[in-house]
């Protein structure tokens, strides 16, 4: 009985694998497969960031070629090769730079990419990565507010609290303050320290924190 059960499961597994191969082969022509907005990606892939940028000036978008690991070299590093008939020069969006648009991912960097369906008209596949950018985000303490912008003191966590790191930065706007009555809300109450994350943009440092609103 055990052998018969094993045989049945093996046949089912082989049949499932054939279906997977058929779906994969059909991917270029069946590009509009249903994918719910909040569901899993259509597939995951590795891409090598190539030279050039779709945006002018450069932003969070990069060109990338699909690659796969081939093994480990003598130094213990993973080696890569282009995927035969793989994707070439696709536009990869680095979501970590969607706001600052710093475009700091070096050429030849290998990144993990999610292939997802964008439901615009007509729908098309989009490719999303999440590559952290050192220096593009900092933690800071609110010092004061004046003339539509904040002065902040960058800090770092050390031991059980925060210590100042570098000079204060003046003229930092909070782009989350959409209404006149929200302006400067991060500056109070004065008896409490307010800590926020600041992000670098082509125009300088900014805060992206929307005030809680009562309905």
N, C-alpha and C. Protein backbone atom coordinates (compact mmCIF):
# COMPACT_ATOMS: atom_id res chain seq x y z
N UNK A 1 0.83 -1.20 0.00
CA UNK A 1 0.00 0.00 0.00
C UNK A 1 0.87 1.26 0.00
N UNK A 2 1.97 1.19 0.82
CA UNK A 2 2.84 2.36 0.89
C UNK A 2 3.46 2.66 -0.46
N UNK A 3 3.89 1.63 -1.19
CA UNK A 3 4.48 1.85 -2.51
C UNK A 3 3.48 2.44 -3.48
N UNK A 4 2.22 1.95 -3.42
CA UNK A 4 1.20 2.49 -4.31
C UNK A 4 0.94 3.97 -4.03
N UNK A 5 0.88 4.32 -2.73
CA UNK A 5 0.67 5.72 -2.37
C UNK A 5 1.83 6.57 -2.87
N UNK A 6 3.05 6.08 -2.71
CA UNK A 6 4.22 6.82 -3.16
C UNK A 6 4.18 7.01 -4.67
N UNK A 7 3.77 5.98 -5.39
CA UNK A 7 3.70 6.07 -6.84
C UNK A 7 2.68 7.13 -7.27
N UNK A 8 1.55 7.16 -6.60
CA UNK A 8 0.52 8.15 -6.94
C UNK A 8 1.04 9.55 -6.70
N UNK A 9 1.66 9.77 -5.55
CA UNK A 9 2.18 11.10 -5.25
C UNK A 9 3.25 11.51 -6.25
N UNK A 10 4.09 10.57 -6.63
CA UNK A 10 5.14 10.89 -7.60
C UNK A 10 4.54 11.29 -8.93
N UNK A 11 3.50 10.60 -9.36
CA UNK A 11 2.85 10.96 -10.62
C UNK A 11 2.24 12.35 -10.54
N UNK A 12 1.58 12.65 -9.39
CA UNK A 12 0.97 13.96 -9.22
C UNK A 12 2.04 15.05 -9.25
N UNK A 13 3.17 14.80 -8.57
CA UNK A 13 4.24 15.80 -8.55
C UNK A 13 4.78 16.05 -9.94
N UNK A 14 4.97 14.96 -10.71
CA UNK A 14 5.47 15.12 -12.08
C UNK A 14 4.47 15.91 -12.92
N UNK A 15 3.18 15.62 -12.75
CA UNK A 15 2.15 16.33 -13.51
C UNK A 15 2.15 17.82 -13.14
N UNK A 16 2.27 18.11 -11.82
CA UNK A 16 2.31 19.51 -11.38
C UNK A 16 3.51 20.23 -11.97
N UNK A 17 4.65 19.55 -12.02
CA UNK A 17 5.86 20.18 -12.56
C UNK A 17 5.69 20.46 -14.05
N UNK A 18 5.01 19.55 -14.79
CA UNK A 18 4.78 19.81 -16.20
C UNK A 18 3.91 21.04 -16.39
N UNK A 19 2.91 21.18 -15.55
CA UNK A 19 2.05 22.36 -15.63
C UNK A 19 2.86 23.62 -15.36
N UNK A 20 3.74 23.58 -14.36
CA UNK A 20 4.57 24.75 -14.06
C UNK A 20 5.44 25.12 -15.26
N UNK A 21 6.02 24.12 -15.91
CA UNK A 21 6.85 24.42 -17.08
C UNK A 21 6.03 25.02 -18.20
N UNK A 22 4.83 24.50 -18.39
CA UNK A 22 3.97 25.04 -19.44
C UNK A 22 3.61 26.50 -19.17
N UNK A 23 3.30 26.81 -17.90
CA UNK A 23 2.99 28.19 -17.53
C UNK A 23 4.20 29.08 -17.76
N UNK A 24 5.39 28.60 -17.37
CA UNK A 24 6.59 29.41 -17.52
C UNK A 24 6.90 29.67 -18.99
N UNK A 25 6.73 28.67 -19.83
CA UNK A 25 6.97 28.85 -21.25
C UNK A 25 5.98 29.83 -21.87
N UNK A 26 4.79 29.88 -21.32
CA UNK A 26 3.75 30.74 -21.88
C UNK A 26 3.84 32.17 -21.37
N UNK A 27 4.74 32.45 -20.42
CA UNK A 27 4.76 33.77 -19.78
C UNK A 27 4.90 34.94 -20.74
N UNK A 28 5.81 34.91 -21.74
CA UNK A 28 5.93 36.08 -22.61
C UNK A 28 4.67 36.38 -23.41
N UNK A 29 3.89 35.37 -23.76
CA UNK A 29 2.70 35.61 -24.57
C UNK A 29 1.45 35.78 -23.72
N UNK A 30 1.49 35.28 -22.47
CA UNK A 30 0.36 35.46 -21.57
C UNK A 30 0.75 36.44 -20.48
N UNK A 31 1.08 37.66 -20.92
CA UNK A 31 1.65 38.65 -20.04
C UNK A 31 0.64 39.22 -19.05
N UNK A 32 -0.64 39.07 -19.35
CA UNK A 32 -1.65 39.74 -18.54
C UNK A 32 -2.31 38.78 -17.54
N UNK A 33 -1.57 37.79 -17.07
CA UNK A 33 -2.13 36.85 -16.10
C UNK A 33 -2.62 37.61 -14.86
N UNK A 34 -3.70 37.12 -14.27
CA UNK A 34 -4.31 37.79 -13.14
C UNK A 34 -3.40 37.73 -11.91
N UNK A 35 -3.12 38.86 -11.33
CA UNK A 35 -2.38 38.95 -10.08
C UNK A 35 -3.07 40.01 -9.24
N UNK A 36 -3.53 39.64 -8.05
CA UNK A 36 -4.21 40.63 -7.23
C UNK A 36 -3.21 41.67 -6.74
N UNK A 37 -3.64 42.94 -6.55
CA UNK A 37 -2.70 44.00 -6.16
C UNK A 37 -1.93 43.69 -4.89
N UNK A 38 -2.59 43.06 -3.90
CA UNK A 38 -1.91 42.79 -2.65
C UNK A 38 -1.35 41.39 -2.55
N UNK A 39 -1.44 40.61 -3.60
CA UNK A 39 -1.00 39.22 -3.56
C UNK A 39 0.49 39.07 -3.81
N UNK A 40 0.93 37.83 -3.94
CA UNK A 40 2.35 37.58 -4.16
C UNK A 40 2.78 38.04 -5.55
N UNK A 41 4.08 38.27 -5.75
CA UNK A 41 4.54 38.65 -7.09
C UNK A 41 4.33 37.53 -8.09
N UNK A 42 4.27 37.90 -9.36
CA UNK A 42 4.12 36.90 -10.42
C UNK A 42 5.29 35.93 -10.38
N UNK A 43 6.48 36.48 -10.19
CA UNK A 43 7.66 35.63 -9.96
C UNK A 43 8.76 36.49 -9.38
N UNK A 44 9.81 35.84 -8.86
CA UNK A 44 11.00 36.51 -8.35
C UNK A 44 12.16 36.20 -9.28
N UNK A 45 13.04 37.16 -9.46
CA UNK A 45 14.19 36.95 -10.31
C UNK A 45 15.36 37.78 -9.81
N UNK A 46 16.54 37.44 -10.29
CA UNK A 46 17.74 38.23 -10.02
C UNK A 46 18.04 39.09 -11.24
N UNK A 47 18.50 40.31 -11.00
CA UNK A 47 18.88 41.19 -12.11
C UNK A 47 20.22 41.86 -11.80
N UNK A 48 20.98 42.09 -12.86
CA UNK A 48 22.21 42.87 -12.75
C UNK A 48 21.92 44.29 -13.24
N UNK A 49 22.19 45.28 -12.39
CA UNK A 49 21.98 46.67 -12.78
C UNK A 49 23.00 47.03 -13.86
N UNK A 50 22.50 47.54 -14.99
CA UNK A 50 23.37 47.88 -16.12
C UNK A 50 23.54 49.39 -16.22
N UNK A 51 24.42 49.79 -17.08
CA UNK A 51 24.72 51.22 -17.23
C UNK A 51 23.53 51.94 -17.83
N UNK A 52 23.37 53.19 -17.46
CA UNK A 52 22.29 53.99 -18.02
C UNK A 52 21.13 54.11 -17.05
N UNK A 53 20.23 55.04 -17.33
CA UNK A 53 19.07 55.28 -16.47
C UNK A 53 17.91 55.73 -17.33
N UNK A 54 16.70 55.19 -17.10
CA UNK A 54 15.54 55.61 -17.89
C UNK A 54 15.18 57.07 -17.68
N UNK A 55 15.38 57.59 -16.45
CA UNK A 55 14.96 58.96 -16.14
C UNK A 55 16.05 59.98 -16.44
N UNK A 56 15.63 61.19 -16.71
CA UNK A 56 16.57 62.30 -16.91
C UNK A 56 15.98 63.55 -16.26
N UNK A 57 16.46 63.94 -15.08
CA UNK A 57 17.61 63.38 -14.36
C UNK A 57 17.30 62.00 -13.78
N UNK A 58 18.35 61.21 -13.45
CA UNK A 58 18.13 59.87 -12.92
C UNK A 58 17.30 59.90 -11.64
N UNK A 59 16.47 58.88 -11.45
CA UNK A 59 15.64 58.79 -10.26
C UNK A 59 15.75 57.38 -9.68
N UNK A 60 14.62 56.78 -9.26
CA UNK A 60 14.68 55.44 -8.66
C UNK A 60 14.69 54.32 -9.68
N UNK A 61 14.67 54.66 -10.97
CA UNK A 61 14.60 53.64 -12.01
C UNK A 61 15.98 53.30 -12.56
N UNK A 62 16.15 52.01 -12.86
CA UNK A 62 17.40 51.50 -13.41
C UNK A 62 17.09 50.54 -14.55
N UNK A 63 18.06 50.33 -15.43
CA UNK A 63 17.98 49.25 -16.38
C UNK A 63 18.62 48.01 -15.77
N UNK A 64 18.04 46.83 -16.04
CA UNK A 64 18.59 45.60 -15.50
C UNK A 64 18.44 44.45 -16.46
N UNK A 65 19.38 43.49 -16.38
CA UNK A 65 19.34 42.26 -17.16
C UNK A 65 19.14 41.08 -16.21
N UNK A 66 18.34 40.11 -16.62
CA UNK A 66 18.07 38.94 -15.80
C UNK A 66 19.30 38.03 -15.76
N UNK A 67 19.70 37.61 -14.56
CA UNK A 67 20.87 36.75 -14.38
C UNK A 67 20.51 35.61 -13.43
N UNK A 68 21.42 34.63 -13.36
CA UNK A 68 21.23 33.51 -12.43
C UNK A 68 22.60 33.11 -11.88
N UNK A 69 22.62 32.56 -10.64
CA UNK A 69 23.91 32.12 -10.08
C UNK A 69 24.41 30.87 -10.77
N UNK A 70 25.72 30.77 -10.92
CA UNK A 70 26.32 29.60 -11.57
C UNK A 70 27.21 28.80 -10.64
N UNK A 71 27.54 29.33 -9.50
CA UNK A 71 28.41 28.62 -8.57
C UNK A 71 29.16 29.60 -7.70
N UNK A 72 30.29 29.13 -7.16
CA UNK A 72 31.12 29.93 -6.26
C UNK A 72 32.54 29.90 -6.78
N UNK A 73 33.20 31.08 -6.81
CA UNK A 73 34.56 31.13 -7.31
C UNK A 73 35.56 30.76 -6.21
N UNK A 74 36.87 30.87 -6.54
CA UNK A 74 37.91 30.45 -5.60
C UNK A 74 37.92 31.29 -4.33
N UNK A 75 37.39 32.50 -4.40
CA UNK A 75 37.35 33.38 -3.23
C UNK A 75 36.08 33.18 -2.40
N UNK A 76 35.21 32.29 -2.84
CA UNK A 76 33.99 32.05 -2.11
C UNK A 76 32.84 32.96 -2.48
N UNK A 77 32.97 33.70 -3.59
CA UNK A 77 31.92 34.60 -4.03
C UNK A 77 31.04 33.93 -5.08
N UNK A 78 29.76 34.24 -5.05
CA UNK A 78 28.84 33.68 -6.03
C UNK A 78 29.15 34.25 -7.41
N UNK A 79 29.12 33.40 -8.42
CA UNK A 79 29.30 33.85 -9.80
C UNK A 79 27.96 33.84 -10.51
N UNK A 80 27.84 34.71 -11.51
CA UNK A 80 26.55 34.92 -12.18
C UNK A 80 26.72 34.86 -13.68
N UNK A 81 25.62 34.52 -14.36
CA UNK A 81 25.60 34.55 -15.81
C UNK A 81 24.23 35.04 -16.28
N UNK A 82 24.20 35.57 -17.51
CA UNK A 82 22.93 35.99 -18.08
C UNK A 82 22.03 34.78 -18.30
N UNK A 83 20.76 34.92 -18.00
CA UNK A 83 19.79 33.84 -18.23
C UNK A 83 19.53 33.72 -19.73
N UNK A 84 19.72 32.54 -20.32
CA UNK A 84 19.43 32.39 -21.75
C UNK A 84 17.98 32.79 -22.05
N UNK A 85 17.81 33.63 -23.05
CA UNK A 85 16.48 34.14 -23.43
C UNK A 85 15.80 34.86 -22.26
N UNK A 86 16.61 35.35 -21.32
CA UNK A 86 16.04 36.08 -20.18
C UNK A 86 15.71 37.53 -20.55
N UNK A 87 15.21 38.25 -19.57
CA UNK A 87 14.82 39.64 -19.78
C UNK A 87 16.06 40.53 -19.91
N UNK A 88 15.97 41.49 -20.80
CA UNK A 88 17.09 42.42 -21.03
C UNK A 88 16.58 43.85 -20.98
N UNK A 89 17.37 44.70 -20.32
CA UNK A 89 17.09 46.13 -20.28
C UNK A 89 15.67 46.43 -19.79
N UNK A 90 15.25 45.68 -18.77
CA UNK A 90 13.96 46.01 -18.15
C UNK A 90 14.17 47.18 -17.19
N UNK A 91 13.11 47.90 -16.90
CA UNK A 91 13.18 49.02 -15.97
C UNK A 91 12.90 48.49 -14.57
N UNK A 92 13.89 48.59 -13.68
CA UNK A 92 13.77 48.14 -12.29
C UNK A 92 13.59 49.37 -11.40
N UNK A 93 12.52 49.38 -10.61
CA UNK A 93 12.26 50.48 -9.67
C UNK A 93 12.80 50.10 -8.31
N UNK A 94 13.75 50.87 -7.78
CA UNK A 94 14.24 50.64 -6.42
C UNK A 94 13.35 51.41 -5.45
N UNK A 95 12.47 50.68 -4.74
CA UNK A 95 11.48 51.33 -3.90
C UNK A 95 12.12 52.10 -2.74
N UNK A 96 13.34 51.75 -2.35
CA UNK A 96 14.02 52.50 -1.29
C UNK A 96 14.37 53.91 -1.75
N UNK A 97 14.37 54.15 -3.07
CA UNK A 97 14.68 55.48 -3.60
C UNK A 97 13.48 56.14 -4.26
N UNK A 98 12.28 55.60 -4.00
CA UNK A 98 11.09 56.15 -4.64
C UNK A 98 10.83 57.58 -4.21
N UNK A 99 11.19 57.92 -2.97
CA UNK A 99 11.03 59.30 -2.50
C UNK A 99 12.27 60.13 -2.73
N UNK A 100 13.46 59.71 -2.23
CA UNK A 100 14.63 60.58 -2.41
C UNK A 100 15.15 60.64 -3.85
N UNK A 101 14.87 59.60 -4.65
CA UNK A 101 15.31 59.55 -6.06
C UNK A 101 16.82 59.84 -6.16
N UNK A 102 17.58 59.19 -5.29
CA UNK A 102 19.01 59.46 -5.23
C UNK A 102 19.81 58.74 -6.32
N UNK A 103 19.32 57.60 -6.81
CA UNK A 103 19.96 56.86 -7.90
C UNK A 103 21.41 56.51 -7.54
N UNK A 104 21.57 55.78 -6.42
CA UNK A 104 22.91 55.48 -5.92
C UNK A 104 23.28 54.01 -5.98
N UNK A 105 22.46 53.15 -6.61
CA UNK A 105 22.82 51.74 -6.73
C UNK A 105 23.89 51.61 -7.82
N UNK A 106 25.06 51.07 -7.49
CA UNK A 106 26.15 51.01 -8.48
C UNK A 106 25.83 50.06 -9.64
N UNK A 107 26.41 50.35 -10.79
CA UNK A 107 26.33 49.45 -11.94
C UNK A 107 26.95 48.10 -11.58
N UNK A 108 26.37 47.02 -12.10
CA UNK A 108 26.79 45.63 -11.89
C UNK A 108 26.32 45.08 -10.54
N UNK A 109 25.56 45.84 -9.77
CA UNK A 109 24.99 45.30 -8.53
C UNK A 109 23.93 44.25 -8.87
N UNK A 110 23.96 43.11 -8.17
CA UNK A 110 22.94 42.07 -8.32
C UNK A 110 21.83 42.35 -7.32
N UNK A 111 20.60 42.47 -7.80
CA UNK A 111 19.47 42.79 -6.93
C UNK A 111 18.37 41.76 -7.13
N UNK A 112 17.60 41.53 -6.06
CA UNK A 112 16.44 40.64 -6.11
C UNK A 112 15.25 41.47 -6.58
N UNK A 113 14.52 40.98 -7.56
CA UNK A 113 13.46 41.75 -8.20
C UNK A 113 12.15 40.97 -8.15
N UNK A 114 11.07 41.69 -7.86
CA UNK A 114 9.72 41.13 -7.92
C UNK A 114 9.07 41.56 -9.23
N UNK A 115 8.53 40.61 -9.96
CA UNK A 115 7.78 40.90 -11.18
C UNK A 115 6.30 40.92 -10.81
N UNK A 116 5.67 42.08 -10.98
CA UNK A 116 4.27 42.25 -10.61
C UNK A 116 3.49 42.85 -11.77
N UNK A 117 2.18 42.65 -11.72
CA UNK A 117 1.31 43.16 -12.78
C UNK A 117 0.79 44.54 -12.39
N UNK A 118 1.06 45.53 -13.22
CA UNK A 118 0.53 46.88 -13.04
C UNK A 118 -0.78 46.96 -13.82
N UNK A 119 -1.86 47.34 -13.16
CA UNK A 119 -3.19 47.28 -13.77
C UNK A 119 -3.57 48.58 -14.48
N UNK A 120 -2.61 49.30 -14.98
CA UNK A 120 -2.96 50.45 -15.81
C UNK A 120 -3.53 49.97 -17.13
N UNK A 121 -3.95 50.92 -17.98
CA UNK A 121 -4.49 50.52 -19.27
C UNK A 121 -3.54 50.90 -20.40
N UNK A 122 -3.02 49.96 -21.18
CA UNK A 122 -3.12 48.51 -20.92
C UNK A 122 -2.20 48.09 -19.77
N UNK A 123 -2.53 47.00 -19.09
CA UNK A 123 -1.67 46.53 -17.99
C UNK A 123 -0.33 46.03 -18.50
N UNK A 124 0.67 46.12 -17.66
CA UNK A 124 1.99 45.62 -18.05
C UNK A 124 2.75 45.22 -16.79
N UNK A 125 3.80 44.43 -16.96
CA UNK A 125 4.59 43.99 -15.83
C UNK A 125 5.48 45.12 -15.34
N UNK A 126 5.62 45.23 -14.03
CA UNK A 126 6.56 46.16 -13.42
C UNK A 126 7.53 45.36 -12.58
N UNK A 127 8.73 45.90 -12.37
CA UNK A 127 9.80 45.18 -11.69
C UNK A 127 10.29 46.03 -10.52
N UNK A 128 10.13 45.50 -9.30
CA UNK A 128 10.38 46.24 -8.08
C UNK A 128 11.52 45.60 -7.29
N UNK A 129 12.44 46.43 -6.80
CA UNK A 129 13.53 45.98 -5.94
C UNK A 129 13.51 46.82 -4.67
N UNK A 130 14.23 46.39 -3.66
CA UNK A 130 14.36 47.13 -2.40
C UNK A 130 15.83 47.08 -1.99
N UNK A 131 16.58 48.09 -2.44
CA UNK A 131 18.01 48.16 -2.16
C UNK A 131 18.25 49.39 -1.29
N UNK A 132 18.63 49.17 -0.03
CA UNK A 132 18.86 50.28 0.88
C UNK A 132 20.03 51.15 0.44
N UNK A 133 19.90 52.44 0.65
CA UNK A 133 20.93 53.40 0.25
C UNK A 133 21.51 54.06 1.49
N UNK A 134 22.79 53.80 1.74
CA UNK A 134 23.45 54.39 2.92
C UNK A 134 23.49 55.91 2.78
N UNK A 135 23.12 56.60 3.83
CA UNK A 135 23.19 58.06 3.83
C UNK A 135 21.97 58.75 3.28
N UNK A 136 21.04 58.01 2.68
CA UNK A 136 19.85 58.63 2.11
C UNK A 136 18.76 58.84 3.15
N UNK A 137 18.93 58.26 4.34
CA UNK A 137 17.93 58.36 5.40
C UNK A 137 18.64 58.46 6.74
N UNK A 138 18.17 59.39 7.58
CA UNK A 138 18.78 59.56 8.90
C UNK A 138 17.68 59.77 9.94
N UNK A 139 18.05 59.54 11.19
CA UNK A 139 17.15 59.83 12.29
C UNK A 139 17.55 61.18 12.88
N UNK A 140 16.56 62.00 13.21
CA UNK A 140 16.86 63.35 13.70
C UNK A 140 15.85 63.76 14.78
N UNK A 141 16.27 64.70 15.62
CA UNK A 141 15.42 65.28 16.65
C UNK A 141 14.97 66.67 16.21
N UNK A 142 13.69 66.96 16.37
CA UNK A 142 13.18 68.28 16.02
C UNK A 142 13.74 69.30 17.01
N UNK A 143 14.33 70.35 16.47
CA UNK A 143 14.87 71.42 17.32
C UNK A 143 13.90 72.60 17.37
N UNK A 144 13.44 73.07 16.21
CA UNK A 144 12.55 74.22 16.17
C UNK A 144 11.85 74.27 14.82
N UNK A 145 10.87 75.18 14.76
CA UNK A 145 10.11 75.39 13.52
C UNK A 145 9.99 76.89 13.28
N UNK A 146 10.20 77.28 12.01
CA UNK A 146 10.06 78.69 11.65
C UNK A 146 9.98 78.81 10.14
N UNK A 147 9.11 79.72 9.68
CA UNK A 147 9.02 80.08 8.26
C UNK A 147 8.78 78.86 7.36
N UNK A 148 7.92 77.92 7.82
CA UNK A 148 7.53 76.79 6.99
C UNK A 148 8.49 75.63 6.96
N UNK A 149 9.53 75.62 7.80
CA UNK A 149 10.50 74.53 7.79
C UNK A 149 11.05 74.31 9.20
N UNK A 150 11.65 73.15 9.38
CA UNK A 150 12.18 72.75 10.67
C UNK A 150 13.70 72.83 10.69
N UNK A 151 14.24 73.03 11.89
CA UNK A 151 15.65 72.77 12.16
C UNK A 151 15.71 71.47 12.93
N UNK A 152 16.54 70.53 12.46
CA UNK A 152 16.63 69.21 13.09
C UNK A 152 18.07 68.91 13.46
N UNK A 153 18.23 68.08 14.48
CA UNK A 153 19.54 67.63 14.91
C UNK A 153 19.68 66.14 14.61
N UNK A 154 20.53 65.75 13.64
CA UNK A 154 20.74 64.31 13.39
C UNK A 154 21.25 63.62 14.65
N UNK A 155 20.78 62.39 14.87
CA UNK A 155 21.18 61.63 16.05
C UNK A 155 21.47 60.20 15.64
N UNK A 156 22.09 59.48 16.56
CA UNK A 156 22.28 58.04 16.39
C UNK A 156 21.99 57.35 17.71
N UNK A 157 21.57 56.11 17.62
CA UNK A 157 21.26 55.36 18.84
C UNK A 157 22.56 54.84 19.44
N UNK A 158 22.72 55.04 20.72
CA UNK A 158 23.92 54.58 21.41
C UNK A 158 23.56 54.19 22.83
N UNK A 159 23.80 52.94 23.19
CA UNK A 159 23.41 52.47 24.51
C UNK A 159 21.91 52.49 24.67
N UNK A 160 21.44 53.18 25.71
CA UNK A 160 20.01 53.21 25.97
C UNK A 160 19.31 54.43 25.43
N UNK A 161 19.96 55.25 24.60
CA UNK A 161 19.31 56.46 24.10
C UNK A 161 19.94 56.96 22.82
N UNK A 162 19.76 58.26 22.57
CA UNK A 162 20.27 58.88 21.35
C UNK A 162 21.32 59.93 21.69
N UNK A 163 22.32 60.03 20.82
CA UNK A 163 23.34 61.07 20.96
C UNK A 163 23.39 61.86 19.65
N UNK A 164 23.72 63.16 19.76
CA UNK A 164 23.79 64.00 18.58
C UNK A 164 24.90 63.54 17.65
N UNK A 165 24.65 63.68 16.36
CA UNK A 165 25.62 63.24 15.36
C UNK A 165 25.72 64.32 14.28
N UNK A 166 26.78 65.12 14.33
CA UNK A 166 26.96 66.18 13.33
C UNK A 166 26.23 67.45 13.70
N UNK A 167 26.23 68.38 12.76
CA UNK A 167 25.64 69.69 13.00
C UNK A 167 24.14 69.68 12.74
N UNK A 168 23.40 70.61 13.37
CA UNK A 168 21.97 70.74 13.05
C UNK A 168 21.75 71.09 11.59
N UNK A 169 20.60 70.71 11.05
CA UNK A 169 20.24 70.99 9.65
C UNK A 169 19.02 71.89 9.67
N UNK A 170 19.13 73.05 9.04
CA UNK A 170 18.03 74.01 9.00
C UNK A 170 17.28 73.91 7.67
N UNK A 171 16.05 74.43 7.68
CA UNK A 171 15.29 74.52 6.43
C UNK A 171 14.77 73.20 5.92
N UNK A 172 14.39 72.29 6.83
CA UNK A 172 13.88 70.97 6.44
C UNK A 172 12.35 71.00 6.43
N UNK A 173 11.71 70.88 5.26
CA UNK A 173 10.25 70.91 5.23
C UNK A 173 9.65 69.54 5.55
N UNK A 174 8.42 69.55 6.05
CA UNK A 174 7.66 68.31 6.21
C UNK A 174 6.63 68.26 5.10
N UNK A 175 6.86 67.41 4.11
CA UNK A 175 5.96 67.34 2.96
C UNK A 175 4.63 66.67 3.31
N UNK A 176 4.52 66.13 4.53
CA UNK A 176 3.26 65.53 4.95
C UNK A 176 2.25 66.53 5.48
N UNK A 177 2.67 67.75 5.71
CA UNK A 177 1.76 68.78 6.23
C UNK A 177 1.04 69.42 5.05
N UNK A 178 -0.18 68.95 4.82
CA UNK A 178 -0.90 69.34 3.61
C UNK A 178 -1.80 70.55 3.83
N UNK A 179 -2.15 70.85 5.08
CA UNK A 179 -3.09 71.92 5.37
C UNK A 179 -2.43 72.97 6.25
N UNK A 180 -2.95 74.20 6.17
CA UNK A 180 -2.35 75.30 6.92
C UNK A 180 -2.33 75.03 8.42
N UNK A 181 -3.39 74.40 8.95
CA UNK A 181 -3.45 74.17 10.39
C UNK A 181 -2.53 73.05 10.86
N UNK A 182 -1.88 72.35 9.93
CA UNK A 182 -0.93 71.30 10.29
C UNK A 182 0.51 71.82 10.36
N UNK A 183 0.75 73.00 9.82
CA UNK A 183 2.12 73.52 9.71
C UNK A 183 2.76 73.64 11.10
N UNK A 184 3.94 73.05 11.23
CA UNK A 184 4.71 73.16 12.46
C UNK A 184 4.28 72.25 13.59
N UNK A 185 3.40 71.28 13.32
CA UNK A 185 2.88 70.47 14.43
C UNK A 185 3.96 69.61 15.09
N UNK A 186 5.05 69.32 14.37
CA UNK A 186 6.12 68.50 14.93
C UNK A 186 6.92 69.24 15.99
N UNK A 187 6.79 70.57 16.06
CA UNK A 187 7.60 71.35 17.00
C UNK A 187 7.09 71.27 18.44
N UNK A 188 5.92 70.74 18.68
CA UNK A 188 5.40 70.73 20.05
C UNK A 188 4.84 69.37 20.41
N UNK A 189 4.53 69.17 21.65
CA UNK A 189 4.76 70.10 22.76
C UNK A 189 6.23 70.22 23.15
N UNK A 190 6.60 71.38 23.66
CA UNK A 190 8.02 71.69 23.85
C UNK A 190 8.68 70.83 24.92
N UNK A 191 7.91 70.26 25.87
CA UNK A 191 8.53 69.48 26.94
C UNK A 191 8.92 68.08 26.51
N UNK A 192 8.60 67.68 25.28
CA UNK A 192 8.94 66.36 24.78
C UNK A 192 9.87 66.48 23.57
N UNK A 193 10.80 65.53 23.47
CA UNK A 193 11.63 65.44 22.27
C UNK A 193 10.87 64.70 21.18
N UNK A 194 10.91 65.23 19.95
CA UNK A 194 10.29 64.57 18.81
C UNK A 194 11.38 64.06 17.89
N UNK A 195 11.35 62.76 17.57
CA UNK A 195 12.32 62.16 16.66
C UNK A 195 11.61 61.77 15.37
N UNK A 196 12.24 62.08 14.25
CA UNK A 196 11.67 61.78 12.95
C UNK A 196 12.76 61.26 12.04
N UNK A 197 12.33 60.60 10.97
CA UNK A 197 13.28 60.20 9.93
C UNK A 197 13.30 61.28 8.86
N UNK A 198 14.48 61.64 8.43
CA UNK A 198 14.63 62.61 7.35
C UNK A 198 15.23 61.90 6.14
N UNK A 199 14.83 62.35 4.96
CA UNK A 199 15.23 61.71 3.70
C UNK A 199 15.88 62.75 2.80
N UNK A 200 16.94 62.35 2.13
CA UNK A 200 17.59 63.26 1.21
C UNK A 200 16.91 63.20 -0.15
N UNK A 201 16.75 64.34 -0.78
CA UNK A 201 16.16 64.46 -2.11
C UNK A 201 17.06 65.37 -2.94
N UNK A 202 16.82 65.48 -4.24
CA UNK A 202 17.63 66.43 -5.04
C UNK A 202 17.56 67.86 -4.52
N UNK A 203 16.47 68.20 -3.80
CA UNK A 203 16.32 69.56 -3.26
C UNK A 203 16.85 69.69 -1.84
N UNK A 204 17.33 68.60 -1.25
CA UNK A 204 17.84 68.64 0.12
C UNK A 204 17.07 67.69 1.03
N UNK A 205 17.31 67.79 2.34
CA UNK A 205 16.66 66.92 3.31
C UNK A 205 15.20 67.29 3.47
N UNK A 206 14.36 66.28 3.72
CA UNK A 206 12.94 66.51 3.92
C UNK A 206 12.39 65.50 4.91
N UNK A 207 11.21 65.82 5.45
CA UNK A 207 10.46 64.93 6.34
C UNK A 207 9.20 64.51 5.58
N UNK A 208 8.79 63.27 5.76
CA UNK A 208 7.57 62.77 5.11
C UNK A 208 6.69 62.15 6.18
N UNK A 209 6.06 63.00 6.97
CA UNK A 209 5.26 62.52 8.09
C UNK A 209 3.95 63.28 8.12
N UNK A 210 2.85 62.54 7.88
CA UNK A 210 1.55 63.21 7.84
C UNK A 210 0.95 63.26 9.22
N UNK A 211 0.43 64.41 9.66
CA UNK A 211 -0.16 64.51 10.99
C UNK A 211 -1.41 63.65 11.12
N UNK A 212 -1.63 63.10 12.31
CA UNK A 212 -2.91 62.42 12.53
C UNK A 212 -4.04 63.44 12.53
N UNK A 213 -5.14 63.12 11.88
CA UNK A 213 -6.25 64.06 11.79
C UNK A 213 -7.49 63.48 12.45
N UNK A 214 -8.22 64.34 13.10
CA UNK A 214 -9.48 63.93 13.72
C UNK A 214 -10.60 64.09 12.71
N UNK A 215 -11.48 63.10 12.59
CA UNK A 215 -12.59 63.16 11.65
C UNK A 215 -13.87 63.48 12.43
